[in-house]
């Protein structure tokens, strides 16, 4: 009987001890859950339910596809990916009955297909898109910045955002653009090229806009031979090798 009583007393002490240890933990868990609920209640719905993937975008599908298509045209220059070769279609000479005027052929193509063909056809000699910058315009709250961030990450870029109305100095504006488009970003073991997003471009002064245009329209750094010497010198700056997305409210 003594052994049974001693064993029951020890068991009771162990149960009481564990209950005392778990009670503060339960209180901490309750406080943590309450804190999470309170933070969630103060979080705006636009932040809580903002799209984070391409499939979650609610904007116009035509705009989404065009912007993504334009970003993918940079793959050869940025990522070193060769453009996939399309299968050769049977010529019209082999099928004279199917020969149709070009206007009639384009009549049955969708707006997205026509835009994609135009984008693919207009590549420069360096295999870059003809248009080096994209412009998203629309009223505030439309989701332009979210669209740019989501599609840039979807295309494999690290997003670098700057506000054009903050940097009023053209020199500072040029420094930030060149730093974002020429330097690599290292995020731990993941190294991705930058995609520059310039927000509120309509608030930038004219001098800053001219700086941006000079960077976009900059030609290849041509080597010029100095007279009387065999040395060559290069112009300041190089080709723009990274995409730039500009955002504005007033086009």
C-alpha atoms as a PDB file:
ATOM      1  CA  UNK A   1       0.000   0.000   0.000  1.00  0.00           C
ATOM      2  CA  UNK A   2       2.847   2.390   0.843  1.00  0.00           C
ATOM      3  CA  UNK A   3       4.402   1.821  -2.592  1.00  0.00           C
ATOM      4  CA  UNK A   4       1.070   2.502  -4.271  1.00  0.00           C
ATOM      5  CA  UNK A   5       0.555   5.699  -2.270  1.00  0.00           C
ATOM      6  CA  UNK A   6       4.092   6.911  -2.986  1.00  0.00           C
ATOM      7  CA  UNK A   7       3.673   6.178  -6.691  1.00  0.00           C
ATOM      8  CA  UNK A   8       0.353   8.024  -6.834  1.00  0.00           C
ATOM      9  CA  UNK A   9       1.842  11.015  -4.993  1.00  0.00           C
ATOM     10  CA  UNK A  10       4.793  11.170  -7.408  1.00  0.00           C
ATOM     11  CA  UNK A  11       2.432  10.950 -10.361  1.00  0.00           C
ATOM     12  CA  UNK A  12       0.290  13.758  -8.942  1.00  0.00           C
ATOM     13  CA  UNK A  13       3.378  15.962  -8.438  1.00  0.00           C
ATOM     14  CA  UNK A  14       4.548  15.331 -12.015  1.00  0.00           C
ATOM     15  CA  UNK A  15       1.107  16.202 -13.462  1.00  0.00           C
ATOM     16  CA  UNK A  16       0.878  19.394 -11.383  1.00  0.00           C
ATOM     17  CA  UNK A  17       4.431  20.401 -12.387  1.00  0.00           C
ATOM     18  CA  UNK A  18       3.731  19.942 -16.129  1.00  0.00           C
ATOM     19  CA  UNK A  19       0.458  21.834 -15.841  1.00  0.00           C
ATOM     20  CA  UNK A  20       2.294  24.721 -14.195  1.00  0.00           C
ATOM     21  CA  UNK A  21       4.894  24.761 -16.989  1.00  0.00           C
ATOM     22  CA  UNK A  22       2.298  24.658 -19.774  1.00  0.00           C
ATOM     23  CA  UNK A  23       0.037  27.363 -18.362  1.00  0.00           C
ATOM     24  CA  UNK A  24       2.421  30.272 -19.094  1.00  0.00           C
ATOM     25  CA  UNK A  25       3.076  28.855 -22.556  1.00  0.00           C
ATOM     26  CA  UNK A  26      -0.619  28.787 -23.261  1.00  0.00           C
ATOM     27  CA  UNK A  27      -0.844  32.379 -22.078  1.00  0.00           C
ATOM     28  CA  UNK A  28       2.026  33.354 -24.398  1.00  0.00           C
ATOM     29  CA  UNK A  29       0.372  31.548 -27.314  1.00  0.00           C
ATOM     30  CA  UNK A  30      -2.883  33.336 -26.608  1.00  0.00           C
ATOM     31  CA  UNK A  31      -1.104  36.695 -26.507  1.00  0.00           C
ATOM     32  CA  UNK A  32       0.716  35.907 -29.769  1.00  0.00           C
ATOM     33  CA  UNK A  33      -2.517  34.908 -31.501  1.00  0.00           C
ATOM     34  CA  UNK A  34      -4.224  38.038 -30.206  1.00  0.00           C
ATOM     35  CA  UNK A  35      -1.339  40.155 -31.482  1.00  0.00           C
ATOM     36  CA  UNK A  36      -1.529  38.527 -34.916  1.00  0.00           C
ATOM     37  CA  UNK A  37      -5.283  39.093 -35.075  1.00  0.00           C
ATOM     38  CA  UNK A  38      -4.819  42.711 -34.064  1.00  0.00           C
ATOM     39  CA  UNK A  39      -2.112  43.278 -36.698  1.00  0.00           C
ATOM     40  CA  UNK A  40      -4.267  41.575 -39.326  1.00  0.00           C
ATOM     41  CA  UNK A  41      -7.220  43.777 -38.416  1.00  0.00           C
ATOM     42  CA  UNK A  42      -5.088  46.921 -38.904  1.00  0.00           C
ATOM     43  CA  UNK A  43      -3.657  45.671 -42.252  1.00  0.00           C
ATOM     44  CA  UNK A  44      -5.274  47.281 -45.284  1.00  0.00           C
ATOM     45  CA  UNK A  45      -7.076  44.954 -47.644  1.00  0.00           C
ATOM     46  CA  UNK A  46      -5.145  46.334 -50.613  1.00  0.00           C
ATOM     47  CA  UNK A  47      -1.932  45.204 -48.895  1.00  0.00           C
ATOM     48  CA  UNK A  48      -3.322  41.951 -47.566  1.00  0.00           C
ATOM     49  CA  UNK A  49      -4.795  40.787 -50.872  1.00  0.00           C
ATOM     50  CA  UNK A  50      -2.344  42.432 -53.280  1.00  0.00           C
ATOM     51  CA  UNK A  51      -1.364  40.179 -56.217  1.00  0.00           C
ATOM     52  CA  UNK A  52       1.986  38.466 -55.805  1.00  0.00           C
ATOM     53  CA  UNK A  53       1.904  36.174 -58.832  1.00  0.00           C
ATOM     54  CA  UNK A  54       1.165  36.672 -62.506  1.00  0.00           C
ATOM     55  CA  UNK A  55      -1.951  34.497 -62.282  1.00  0.00           C
ATOM     56  CA  UNK A  56      -3.329  36.710 -59.499  1.00  0.00           C
ATOM     57  CA  UNK A  57      -3.314  39.887 -61.575  1.00  0.00           C
ATOM     58  CA  UNK A  58      -6.750  41.396 -62.173  1.00  0.00           C
ATOM     59  CA  UNK A  59      -5.612  44.020 -64.664  1.00  0.00           C
ATOM     60  CA  UNK A  60      -6.301  43.885 -68.393  1.00  0.00           C
ATOM     61  CA  UNK A  61      -4.908  40.656 -69.867  1.00  0.00           C
ATOM     62  CA  UNK A  62      -3.820  42.428 -73.051  1.00  0.00           C
ATOM     63  CA  UNK A  63      -1.682  44.875 -71.047  1.00  0.00           C
ATOM     64  CA  UNK A  64      -0.245  42.068 -68.922  1.00  0.00           C
ATOM     65  CA  UNK A  65       0.756  39.965 -71.916  1.00  0.00           C
ATOM     66  CA  UNK A  66       2.245  42.885 -73.846  1.00  0.00           C
ATOM     67  CA  UNK A  67       4.399  43.992 -70.923  1.00  0.00           C
ATOM     68  CA  UNK A  68       5.542  40.419 -70.242  1.00  0.00           C
ATOM     69  CA  UNK A  69       6.286  39.885 -73.925  1.00  0.00           C
ATOM     70  CA  UNK A  70       8.362  43.056 -74.015  1.00  0.00           C
ATOM     71  CA  UNK A  71      10.340  41.980 -70.945  1.00  0.00           C
ATOM     72  CA  UNK A  72      10.976  38.522 -72.424  1.00  0.00           C
ATOM     73  CA  UNK A  73      12.488  40.158 -75.509  1.00  0.00           C
ATOM     74  CA  UNK A  74      15.427  41.160 -73.272  1.00  0.00           C
ATOM     75  CA  UNK A  75      16.288  37.517 -72.495  1.00  0.00           C
ATOM     76  CA  UNK A  76      18.977  37.247 -75.168  1.00  0.00           C
ATOM     77  CA  UNK A  77      20.865  40.286 -73.879  1.00  0.00           C
ATOM     78  CA  UNK A  78      20.240  39.884 -70.153  1.00  0.00           C
ATOM     79  CA  UNK A  79      20.150  36.121 -69.614  1.00  0.00           C
ATOM     80  CA  UNK A  80      21.975  34.927 -72.728  1.00  0.00           C
ATOM     81  CA  UNK A  81      18.997  32.872 -73.898  1.00  0.00           C
ATOM     82  CA  UNK A  82      18.698  32.369 -77.600  1.00  0.00           C
ATOM     83  CA  UNK A  83      15.397  33.211 -79.171  1.00  0.00           C
ATOM     84  CA  UNK A  84      13.441  30.011 -79.938  1.00  0.00           C
ATOM     85  CA  UNK A  85      13.230  29.311 -83.634  1.00  0.00           C
ATOM     86  CA  UNK A  86       9.704  28.951 -84.906  1.00  0.00           C
ATOM     87  CA  UNK A  87       8.838  26.087 -87.212  1.00  0.00           C
ATOM     88  CA  UNK A  88       8.743  27.041 -90.845  1.00  0.00           C
ATOM     89  CA  UNK A  89       5.225  27.280 -92.137  1.00  0.00           C
ATOM     90  CA  UNK A  90       4.356  26.001 -95.620  1.00  0.00           C
ATOM     91  CA  UNK A  91       4.820  28.723 -98.183  1.00  0.00           C
ATOM     92  CA  UNK A  92       1.932  30.227-100.069  1.00  0.00           C
ATOM     93  CA  UNK A  93       3.473  29.106-103.372  1.00  0.00           C
ATOM     94  CA  UNK A  94       3.013  25.470-102.383  1.00  0.00           C
ATOM     95  CA  UNK A  95      -0.663  26.181-101.679  1.00  0.00           C
ATOM     96  CA  UNK A  96      -1.852  28.756-104.210  1.00  0.00           C
ATOM     97  CA  UNK A  97      -5.434  28.421-103.011  1.00  0.00           C
ATOM     98  CA  UNK A  98      -4.430  29.598 -99.532  1.00  0.00           C
ATOM     99  CA  UNK A  99      -2.657  32.657-100.837  1.00  0.00           C
ATOM    100  CA  UNK A 100      -4.308  35.735 -99.335  1.00  0.00           C
ATOM    101  CA  UNK A 101      -3.443  39.407 -99.145  1.00  0.00           C
ATOM    102  CA  UNK A 102      -1.509  40.458 -96.054  1.00  0.00           C
ATOM    103  CA  UNK A 103      -4.336  42.719 -94.905  1.00  0.00           C
ATOM    104  CA  UNK A 104      -6.790  39.829 -95.071  1.00  0.00           C
ATOM    105  CA  UNK A 105      -4.395  37.579 -93.104  1.00  0.00           C
ATOM    106  CA  UNK A 106      -4.039  40.175 -90.353  1.00  0.00           C
ATOM    107  CA  UNK A 107      -7.795  40.570 -90.240  1.00  0.00           C
ATOM    108  CA  UNK A 108      -8.190  37.255 -88.431  1.00  0.00           C
ATOM    109  CA  UNK A 109      -5.403  37.856 -85.913  1.00  0.00           C
ATOM    110  CA  UNK A 110      -6.136  39.081 -82.442  1.00  0.00           C
ATOM    111  CA  UNK A 111      -4.862  42.368 -81.087  1.00  0.00           C
ATOM    112  CA  UNK A 112      -2.399  40.524 -78.846  1.00  0.00           C
ATOM    113  CA  UNK A 113      -0.973  38.500 -81.751  1.00  0.00           C
ATOM    114  CA  UNK A 114      -0.460  41.599 -83.864  1.00  0.00           C
ATOM    115  CA  UNK A 115       1.280  43.413 -81.000  1.00  0.00           C
ATOM    116  CA  UNK A 116       3.556  40.447 -80.320  1.00  0.00           C
ATOM    117  CA  UNK A 117       4.531  40.235 -83.997  1.00  0.00           C
ATOM    118  CA  UNK A 118       5.339  43.952 -84.044  1.00  0.00           C
ATOM    119  CA  UNK A 119       7.465  43.639 -80.892  1.00  0.00           C
ATOM    120  CA  UNK A 120       9.362  40.635 -82.240  1.00  0.00           C
ATOM    121  CA  UNK A 121       9.999  42.232 -85.620  1.00  0.00           C
ATOM    122  CA  UNK A 122      11.453  45.452 -84.237  1.00  0.00           C
ATOM    123  CA  UNK A 123      14.746  44.320 -82.666  1.00  0.00           C
ATOM    124  CA  UNK A 124      17.941  46.298 -83.104  1.00  0.00           C
ATOM    125  CA  UNK A 125      21.340  44.976 -84.150  1.00  0.00           C
ATOM    126  CA  UNK A 126      22.193  44.124 -80.526  1.00  0.00           C
ATOM    127  CA  UNK A 127      19.058  41.946 -80.232  1.00  0.00           C
ATOM    128  CA  UNK A 128      17.398  44.417 -77.906  1.00  0.00           C
ATOM    129  CA  UNK A 129      13.821  45.623 -78.273  1.00  0.00           C
ATOM    130  CA  UNK A 130      13.436  48.719 -80.395  1.00  0.00           C
ATOM    131  CA  UNK A 131      11.661  50.417 -77.512  1.00  0.00           C
ATOM    132  CA  UNK A 132      14.024  50.388 -74.534  1.00  0.00           C
ATOM    133  CA  UNK A 133      11.453  51.610 -72.008  1.00  0.00           C
ATOM    134  CA  UNK A 134       7.805  50.822 -71.316  1.00  0.00           C
ATOM    135  CA  UNK A 135       5.286  53.389 -70.062  1.00  0.00           C
ATOM    136  CA  UNK A 136       2.323  52.459 -67.873  1.00  0.00           C
ATOM    137  CA  UNK A 137      -0.166  55.300 -67.479  1.00  0.00           C
ATOM    138  CA  UNK A 138      -3.498  55.569 -65.732  1.00  0.00           C
ATOM    139  CA  UNK A 139      -5.259  57.070 -62.710  1.00  0.00           C
ATOM    140  CA  UNK A 140      -3.974  56.431 -59.164  1.00  0.00           C
ATOM    141  CA  UNK A 141      -5.001  53.137 -57.603  1.00  0.00           C
ATOM    142  CA  UNK A 142      -5.279  51.305 -60.919  1.00  0.00           C
ATOM    143  CA  UNK A 143      -2.501  48.841 -59.993  1.00  0.00           C
ATOM    144  CA  UNK A 144       0.271  50.043 -62.303  1.00  0.00           C
ATOM    145  CA  UNK A 145       3.095  49.667 -59.771  1.00  0.00           C
ATOM    146  CA  UNK A 146       1.831  46.252 -58.658  1.00  0.00           C
ATOM    147  CA  UNK A 147       1.626  45.141 -62.279  1.00  0.00           C
ATOM    148  CA  UNK A 148       5.212  46.229 -62.967  1.00  0.00           C
ATOM    149  CA  UNK A 149       6.569  44.524 -59.834  1.00  0.00           C
ATOM    150  CA  UNK A 150       4.732  41.239 -60.400  1.00  0.00           C
ATOM    151  CA  UNK A 151       5.636  40.891 -64.085  1.00  0.00           C
ATOM    152  CA  UNK A 152       9.275  41.885 -63.515  1.00  0.00           C
ATOM    153  CA  UNK A 153       9.659  39.223 -60.817  1.00  0.00           C
ATOM    154  CA  UNK A 154       7.792  36.735 -63.019  1.00  0.00           C
ATOM    155  CA  UNK A 155      10.315  37.373 -65.818  1.00  0.00           C
ATOM    156  CA  UNK A 156      13.248  36.686 -63.463  1.00  0.00           C
ATOM    157  CA  UNK A 157      14.326  40.196 -62.489  1.00  0.00           C
ATOM    158  CA  UNK A 158      15.128  41.890 -59.213  1.00  0.00           C
ATOM    159  CA  UNK A 159      12.987  45.013 -58.967  1.00  0.00           C
ATOM    160  CA  UNK A 160      14.677  48.346 -58.267  1.00  0.00           C
ATOM    161  CA  UNK A 161      12.162  51.147 -57.776  1.00  0.00           C
ATOM    162  CA  UNK A 162      12.827  54.858 -57.692  1.00  0.00           C
ATOM    163  CA  UNK A 163      10.567  57.878 -57.550  1.00  0.00           C
ATOM    164  CA  UNK A 164      11.304  60.409 -60.259  1.00  0.00           C
ATOM    165  CA  UNK A 165       9.763  63.288 -58.291  1.00  0.00           C
ATOM    166  CA  UNK A 166      12.158  62.738 -55.361  1.00  0.00           C
ATOM    167  CA  UNK A 167      15.400  63.202 -57.292  1.00  0.00           C
ATOM    168  CA  UNK A 168      15.054  66.727 -58.603  1.00  0.00           C
ATOM    169  CA  UNK A 169      18.739  66.952 -59.537  1.00  0.00           C
ATOM    170  CA  UNK A 170      19.530  65.609 -63.028  1.00  0.00           C
ATOM    171  CA  UNK A 171      22.948  64.399 -61.837  1.00  0.00           C
ATOM    172  CA  UNK A 172      21.419  62.382 -58.998  1.00  0.00           C
ATOM    173  CA  UNK A 173      18.763  61.092 -61.368  1.00  0.00           C
ATOM    174  CA  UNK A 174      21.384  59.898 -63.836  1.00  0.00           C
ATOM    175  CA  UNK A 175      23.495  58.301 -61.090  1.00  0.00           C
ATOM    176  CA  UNK A 176      20.587  56.272 -59.776  1.00  0.00           C
ATOM    177  CA  UNK A 177      19.550  55.110 -63.241  1.00  0.00           C
ATOM    178  CA  UNK A 178      23.056  54.031 -64.211  1.00  0.00           C
ATOM    179  CA  UNK A 179      23.587  52.284 -60.868  1.00  0.00           C
ATOM    180  CA  UNK A 180      20.365  50.297 -61.305  1.00  0.00           C
ATOM    181  CA  UNK A 181      20.896  49.387 -64.966  1.00  0.00           C
ATOM    182  CA  UNK A 182      24.636  48.641 -64.914  1.00  0.00           C
ATOM    183  CA  UNK A 183      25.285  46.995 -61.532  1.00  0.00           C
ATOM    184  CA  UNK A 184      24.198  43.510 -60.508  1.00  0.00           C
ATOM    185  CA  UNK A 185      22.108  42.753 -57.456  1.00  0.00           C
ATOM    186  CA  UNK A 186      23.220  40.002 -55.103  1.00  0.00           C
ATOM    187  CA  UNK A 187      20.566  38.643 -52.766  1.00  0.00           C
ATOM    188  CA  UNK A 188      22.261  35.883 -50.770  1.00  0.00           C
ATOM    189  CA  UNK A 189      22.993  33.014 -53.117  1.00  0.00           C
ATOM    190  CA  UNK A 190      20.477  34.305 -55.650  1.00  0.00           C
ATOM    191  CA  UNK A 191      21.831  36.717 -58.211  1.00  0.00           C
ATOM    192  CA  UNK A 192      19.344  38.307 -60.563  1.00  0.00           C
ATOM    193  CA  UNK A 193      19.612  41.233 -62.990  1.00  0.00           C
ATOM    194  CA  UNK A 194      17.829  44.458 -62.167  1.00  0.00           C
ATOM    195  CA  UNK A 195      14.697  45.828 -63.753  1.00  0.00           C
ATOM    196  CA  UNK A 196      14.350  49.545 -63.054  1.00  0.00           C
ATOM    197  CA  UNK A 197      10.874  50.911 -62.280  1.00  0.00           C
ATOM    198  CA  UNK A 198      10.608  54.709 -62.295  1.00  0.00           C
ATOM    199  CA  UNK A 199       7.424  55.833 -60.563  1.00  0.00           C
ATOM    200  CA  UNK A 200       5.784  59.251 -61.015  1.00  0.00           C
ATOM    201  CA  UNK A 201       7.816  59.967 -64.130  1.00  0.00           C
ATOM    202  CA  UNK A 202       5.354  62.761 -64.952  1.00  0.00           C
ATOM    203  CA  UNK A 203       6.613  64.638 -61.881  1.00  0.00           C
ATOM    204  CA  UNK A 204      10.238  64.712 -63.016  1.00  0.00           C
ATOM    205  CA  UNK A 205      11.708  67.973 -64.370  1.00  0.00           C
ATOM    206  CA  UNK A 206      12.504  68.339 -68.050  1.00  0.00           C
ATOM    207  CA  UNK A 207      16.255  68.053 -67.424  1.00  0.00           C
ATOM    208  CA  UNK A 208      15.799  64.632 -65.813  1.00  0.00           C
ATOM    209  CA  UNK A 209      13.623  63.460 -68.700  1.00  0.00           C
ATOM    210  CA  UNK A 210      16.363  64.497 -71.119  1.00  0.00           C
ATOM    211  CA  UNK A 211      18.871  62.486 -69.062  1.00  0.00           C
ATOM    212  CA  UNK A 212      16.635  59.427 -69.322  1.00  0.00           C
ATOM    213  CA  UNK A 213      16.207  59.893 -73.067  1.00  0.00           C
ATOM    214  CA  UNK A 214      19.963  60.202 -73.547  1.00  0.00           C
ATOM    215  CA  UNK A 215      20.503  56.916 -71.695  1.00  0.00           C
ATOM    216  CA  UNK A 216      17.783  55.156 -73.685  1.00  0.00           C
ATOM    217  CA  UNK A 217      18.948  56.485 -77.063  1.00  0.00           C
ATOM    218  CA  UNK A 218      22.628  55.984 -76.342  1.00  0.00           C
ATOM    219  CA  UNK A 219      24.314  54.283 -79.263  1.00  0.00           C
ATOM    220  CA  UNK A 220      27.067  51.717 -79.137  1.00  0.00           C
ATOM    221  CA  UNK A 221      30.273  53.031 -77.612  1.00  0.00           C
ATOM    222  CA  UNK A 222      32.108  53.500 -80.866  1.00  0.00           C
ATOM    223  CA  UNK A 223      35.873  53.203 -80.822  1.00  0.00           C
ATOM    224  CA  UNK A 224      37.530  56.245 -82.270  1.00  0.00           C
ATOM    225  CA  UNK A 225      41.175  56.299 -83.231  1.00  0.00           C
ATOM    226  CA  UNK A 226      43.030  59.341 -81.972  1.00  0.00           C
ATOM    227  CA  UNK A 227      45.010  61.110 -84.704  1.00  0.00           C
ATOM    228  CA  UNK A 228      48.687  60.143 -84.731  1.00  0.00           C
ATOM    229  CA  UNK A 229      48.273  57.270 -82.264  1.00  0.00           C
ATOM    230  CA  UNK A 230      47.073  53.729 -82.466  1.00  0.00           C
ATOM    231  CA  UNK A 231      45.118  54.013 -79.246  1.00  0.00           C
ATOM    232  CA  UNK A 232      41.389  54.018 -79.144  1.00  0.00           C
ATOM    233  CA  UNK A 233      39.087  55.861 -76.850  1.00  0.00           C
ATOM    234  CA  UNK A 234      35.494  55.176 -75.969  1.00  0.00           C
ATOM    235  CA  UNK A 235      32.682  57.532 -75.334  1.00  0.00           C
ATOM    236  CA  UNK A 236      31.355  57.874 -71.856  1.00  0.00           C
ATOM    237  CA  UNK A 237      28.671  55.376 -70.966  1.00  0.00           C
ATOM    238  CA  UNK A 238      27.649  52.203 -72.720  1.00  0.00           C
ATOM    239  CA  UNK A 239      24.607  50.528 -74.123  1.00  0.00           C
ATOM    240  CA  UNK A 240      21.501  50.202 -72.037  1.00  0.00           C
ATOM    241  CA  UNK A 241      21.296  46.463 -71.279  1.00  0.00           C
ATOM    242  CA  UNK A 242      18.476  46.422 -68.741  1.00  0.00           C
ATOM    243  CA  UNK A 243      14.748  47.154 -69.167  1.00  0.00           C
ATOM    244  CA  UNK A 244      13.197  50.294 -67.720  1.00  0.00           C
ATOM    245  CA  UNK A 245       9.496  50.586 -66.827  1.00  0.00           C
ATOM    246  CA  UNK A 246       8.112  54.086 -66.271  1.00  0.00           C
ATOM    247  CA  UNK A 247       4.838  54.818 -64.486  1.00  0.00           C
ATOM    248  CA  UNK A 248       2.767  57.994 -64.680  1.00  0.00           C
ATOM    249  CA  UNK A 249      -0.717  59.257 -63.960  1.00  0.00           C
ATOM    250  CA  UNK A 250      -0.922  61.910 -66.663  1.00  0.00           C
ATOM    251  CA  UNK A 251       0.348  60.793 -70.043  1.00  0.00           C
END
